[in-house]
Amino acid sequence: PAEIGVLRQTQATTIVEIIIHEGRKRQIRRMFLAIGHPVIMLRRVAIDGVTVNKIPIGDFRHLTSAEVEVLYRSVRLK
């Protein structure tokens, strides 16, 4: 099951953290639209243990060999 927590809330907006283990196309947007709360912005911060670590928009970082290994294992290539 998904985990949802409210990080910050104002009168106009709410910032939430959602942890899902297997997402479908536009799943988060559809879930929130169904309860009357359209999504303004989404940001993925991790996938399979590989984190963004506050990388500026448009920038990148090289993966460590351990991260590559985890990703290969998650898709059963090694």
N, C-alpha and C. Protein backbone atom coordinates (compact mmCIF):
# COMPACT_ATOMS: atom_id res chain seq x y z
N PRO A 1 0.82 -1.21 0.00
CA PRO A 1 0.00 0.00 0.00
C PRO A 1 0.85 1.26 0.00
N ALA A 2 0.31 2.32 -0.54
CA ALA A 2 1.00 3.60 -0.58
C ALA A 2 1.06 4.22 0.81
N GLU A 3 2.08 5.02 1.04
CA GLU A 3 2.20 5.78 2.28
C GLU A 3 2.11 7.26 1.93
N ILE A 4 1.28 8.00 2.63
CA ILE A 4 1.10 9.42 2.35
C ILE A 4 1.23 10.20 3.65
N GLY A 5 2.00 11.28 3.59
CA GLY A 5 2.15 12.15 4.75
C GLY A 5 2.14 13.60 4.34
N VAL A 6 1.49 14.44 5.11
CA VAL A 6 1.45 15.88 4.84
C VAL A 6 2.73 16.51 5.37
N LEU A 7 3.46 17.19 4.48
CA LEU A 7 4.70 17.85 4.88
C LEU A 7 4.46 19.31 5.28
N ARG A 8 3.61 19.97 4.50
CA ARG A 8 3.33 21.39 4.77
C ARG A 8 1.95 21.72 4.21
N GLN A 9 1.23 22.57 4.91
CA GLN A 9 -0.11 22.92 4.45
C GLN A 9 -0.35 24.41 4.66
N THR A 10 -0.87 25.06 3.63
CA THR A 10 -1.31 26.45 3.72
C THR A 10 -2.78 26.49 3.37
N GLN A 11 -3.35 27.68 3.35
CA GLN A 11 -4.75 27.80 3.02
C GLN A 11 -5.00 27.41 1.55
N ALA A 12 -4.02 27.65 0.69
CA ALA A 12 -4.20 27.40 -0.75
C ALA A 12 -3.62 26.08 -1.23
N THR A 13 -2.56 25.58 -0.61
CA THR A 13 -1.89 24.38 -1.10
C THR A 13 -1.49 23.45 0.04
N THR A 14 -1.25 22.22 -0.32
CA THR A 14 -0.74 21.22 0.61
C THR A 14 0.39 20.48 -0.07
N ILE A 15 1.50 20.32 0.62
CA ILE A 15 2.63 19.56 0.09
C ILE A 15 2.64 18.22 0.81
N VAL A 16 2.58 17.14 0.01
CA VAL A 16 2.53 15.80 0.59
C VAL A 16 3.68 14.96 0.06
N GLU A 17 4.07 13.98 0.85
CA GLU A 17 5.06 12.99 0.44
C GLU A 17 4.31 11.68 0.24
N ILE A 18 4.51 11.07 -0.93
CA ILE A 18 3.83 9.82 -1.25
C ILE A 18 4.88 8.78 -1.59
N ILE A 19 4.80 7.64 -0.95
CA ILE A 19 5.71 6.54 -1.24
C ILE A 19 4.88 5.43 -1.86
N ILE A 20 5.19 5.13 -3.14
CA ILE A 20 4.53 4.02 -3.81
C ILE A 20 5.60 3.03 -4.26
N HIS A 21 5.22 1.80 -4.37
CA HIS A 21 6.19 0.77 -4.71
C HIS A 21 6.09 0.33 -6.16
N GLU A 22 4.95 0.60 -6.77
CA GLU A 22 4.79 0.30 -8.19
C GLU A 22 3.76 1.27 -8.74
N GLY A 23 4.21 2.27 -9.48
CA GLY A 23 3.29 3.28 -9.98
C GLY A 23 2.84 2.99 -11.40
N ARG A 24 1.66 3.43 -11.71
CA ARG A 24 1.11 3.35 -13.06
C ARG A 24 1.10 4.75 -13.65
N LYS A 25 0.96 4.81 -14.94
CA LYS A 25 0.98 6.09 -15.65
C LYS A 25 -0.01 7.08 -15.04
N ARG A 26 0.49 8.21 -14.62
CA ARG A 26 -0.29 9.29 -14.03
C ARG A 26 -1.13 8.87 -12.82
N GLN A 27 -0.69 7.86 -12.10
CA GLN A 27 -1.44 7.33 -10.96
C GLN A 27 -1.69 8.39 -9.89
N ILE A 28 -0.66 9.12 -9.52
CA ILE A 28 -0.79 10.13 -8.47
C ILE A 28 -1.75 11.22 -8.90
N ARG A 29 -1.60 11.71 -10.11
CA ARG A 29 -2.50 12.75 -10.62
C ARG A 29 -3.96 12.28 -10.60
N ARG A 30 -4.19 11.04 -11.03
CA ARG A 30 -5.56 10.51 -11.06
C ARG A 30 -6.12 10.33 -9.64
N MET A 31 -5.28 9.87 -8.71
CA MET A 31 -5.73 9.67 -7.33
C MET A 31 -6.19 11.00 -6.72
N PHE A 32 -5.40 12.04 -6.89
CA PHE A 32 -5.73 13.32 -6.27
C PHE A 32 -6.87 14.02 -6.99
N LEU A 33 -6.98 13.86 -8.30
CA LEU A 33 -8.10 14.42 -9.04
C LEU A 33 -9.41 13.78 -8.59
N ALA A 34 -9.36 12.48 -8.29
CA ALA A 34 -10.56 11.76 -7.85
C ALA A 34 -11.11 12.29 -6.53
N ILE A 35 -10.24 12.87 -5.70
CA ILE A 35 -10.72 13.42 -4.42
C ILE A 35 -10.83 14.95 -4.47
N GLY A 36 -10.74 15.50 -5.70
CA GLY A 36 -10.95 16.93 -5.87
C GLY A 36 -9.75 17.81 -5.57
N HIS A 37 -8.56 17.25 -5.64
CA HIS A 37 -7.33 18.02 -5.39
C HIS A 37 -6.36 17.83 -6.55
N PRO A 38 -6.47 18.67 -7.59
CA PRO A 38 -5.57 18.51 -8.73
C PRO A 38 -4.11 18.75 -8.32
N VAL A 39 -3.20 18.02 -8.97
CA VAL A 39 -1.77 18.11 -8.69
C VAL A 39 -1.17 19.26 -9.50
N ILE A 40 -0.44 20.13 -8.84
CA ILE A 40 0.22 21.25 -9.51
C ILE A 40 1.62 20.84 -9.96
N MET A 41 2.33 20.10 -9.12
CA MET A 41 3.70 19.72 -9.44
C MET A 41 4.04 18.39 -8.78
N LEU A 42 4.78 17.55 -9.51
CA LEU A 42 5.29 16.29 -8.95
C LEU A 42 6.80 16.30 -9.06
N ARG A 43 7.44 15.68 -8.09
CA ARG A 43 8.90 15.55 -8.15
C ARG A 43 9.28 14.17 -7.62
N ARG A 44 9.95 13.40 -8.48
CA ARG A 44 10.44 12.10 -8.04
C ARG A 44 11.76 12.32 -7.33
N VAL A 45 11.90 11.77 -6.12
CA VAL A 45 13.13 11.98 -5.36
C VAL A 45 13.97 10.72 -5.25
N ALA A 46 13.37 9.55 -5.55
CA ALA A 46 14.13 8.31 -5.50
C ALA A 46 13.44 7.25 -6.33
N ILE A 47 14.25 6.34 -6.84
CA ILE A 47 13.72 5.16 -7.51
C ILE A 47 14.67 4.01 -7.21
N ASP A 48 14.13 2.97 -6.63
CA ASP A 48 14.92 1.78 -6.26
C ASP A 48 16.15 2.12 -5.43
N GLY A 49 16.02 3.08 -4.53
CA GLY A 49 17.13 3.42 -3.65
C GLY A 49 18.11 4.43 -4.23
N VAL A 50 17.95 4.79 -5.50
CA VAL A 50 18.79 5.82 -6.11
C VAL A 50 18.11 7.15 -5.89
N THR A 51 18.77 8.05 -5.16
CA THR A 51 18.16 9.32 -4.80
C THR A 51 18.69 10.47 -5.65
N VAL A 52 17.91 11.53 -5.68
CA VAL A 52 18.27 12.71 -6.46
C VAL A 52 19.29 13.57 -5.72
N ASN A 53 19.21 13.61 -4.39
CA ASN A 53 20.14 14.37 -3.56
C ASN A 53 20.27 15.84 -3.96
N LYS A 54 19.15 16.48 -4.19
CA LYS A 54 19.10 17.93 -4.49
C LYS A 54 19.93 18.33 -5.71
N ILE A 55 19.85 17.54 -6.76
CA ILE A 55 20.52 17.89 -8.01
C ILE A 55 19.73 19.02 -8.67
N PRO A 56 20.39 20.10 -9.12
CA PRO A 56 19.66 21.19 -9.77
C PRO A 56 18.95 20.70 -11.04
N ILE A 57 17.85 21.36 -11.37
CA ILE A 57 17.08 21.00 -12.56
C ILE A 57 17.99 21.09 -13.78
N GLY A 58 17.95 20.05 -14.60
CA GLY A 58 18.76 20.00 -15.82
C GLY A 58 20.16 19.47 -15.62
N ASP A 59 20.56 19.23 -14.38
CA ASP A 59 21.90 18.70 -14.09
C ASP A 59 21.81 17.19 -13.90
N PHE A 60 22.93 16.55 -13.70
CA PHE A 60 22.95 15.11 -13.50
C PHE A 60 24.10 14.74 -12.59
N ARG A 61 24.10 13.48 -12.18
CA ARG A 61 25.23 12.94 -11.43
C ARG A 61 25.47 11.52 -11.91
N HIS A 62 26.68 11.05 -11.77
CA HIS A 62 27.01 9.69 -12.14
C HIS A 62 26.56 8.74 -11.03
N LEU A 63 26.06 7.58 -11.42
CA LEU A 63 25.66 6.57 -10.45
C LEU A 63 26.88 5.85 -9.90
N THR A 64 26.79 5.45 -8.65
CA THR A 64 27.85 4.63 -8.08
C THR A 64 27.69 3.21 -8.61
N SER A 65 28.72 2.42 -8.50
CA SER A 65 28.63 1.03 -8.97
C SER A 65 27.59 0.26 -8.15
N ALA A 66 27.45 0.58 -6.88
CA ALA A 66 26.43 -0.07 -6.04
C ALA A 66 25.02 0.27 -6.53
N GLU A 67 24.78 1.53 -6.91
CA GLU A 67 23.47 1.92 -7.43
C GLU A 67 23.16 1.21 -8.75
N VAL A 68 24.15 1.10 -9.60
CA VAL A 68 23.97 0.40 -10.88
C VAL A 68 23.60 -1.06 -10.62
N GLU A 69 24.29 -1.66 -9.68
CA GLU A 69 24.02 -3.07 -9.34
C GLU A 69 22.59 -3.25 -8.83
N VAL A 70 22.13 -2.34 -7.97
CA VAL A 70 20.76 -2.41 -7.46
C VAL A 70 19.76 -2.30 -8.60
N LEU A 71 19.99 -1.39 -9.51
CA LEU A 71 19.07 -1.22 -10.64
C LEU A 71 19.06 -2.45 -11.54
N TYR A 72 20.23 -3.01 -11.81
CA TYR A 72 20.28 -4.24 -12.61
C TYR A 72 19.51 -5.36 -11.93
N ARG A 73 19.70 -5.51 -10.63
CA ARG A 73 19.00 -6.57 -9.90
C ARG A 73 17.49 -6.35 -9.91
N SER A 74 17.06 -5.10 -9.84
CA SER A 74 15.62 -4.83 -9.80
C SER A 74 14.92 -5.19 -11.11
N VAL A 75 15.66 -5.20 -12.20
CA VAL A 75 15.07 -5.61 -13.48
C VAL A 75 15.57 -6.98 -13.90
N ARG A 76 16.22 -7.67 -12.97
CA ARG A 76 16.68 -9.04 -13.13
C ARG A 76 17.64 -9.23 -14.31
N LEU A 77 18.57 -8.29 -14.47
CA LEU A 77 19.57 -8.43 -15.53
C LEU A 77 20.87 -9.02 -15.01
N LYS A 78 21.07 -9.05 -13.71
CA LYS A 78 22.29 -9.64 -13.14
C LYS A 78 21.93 -10.45 -11.94
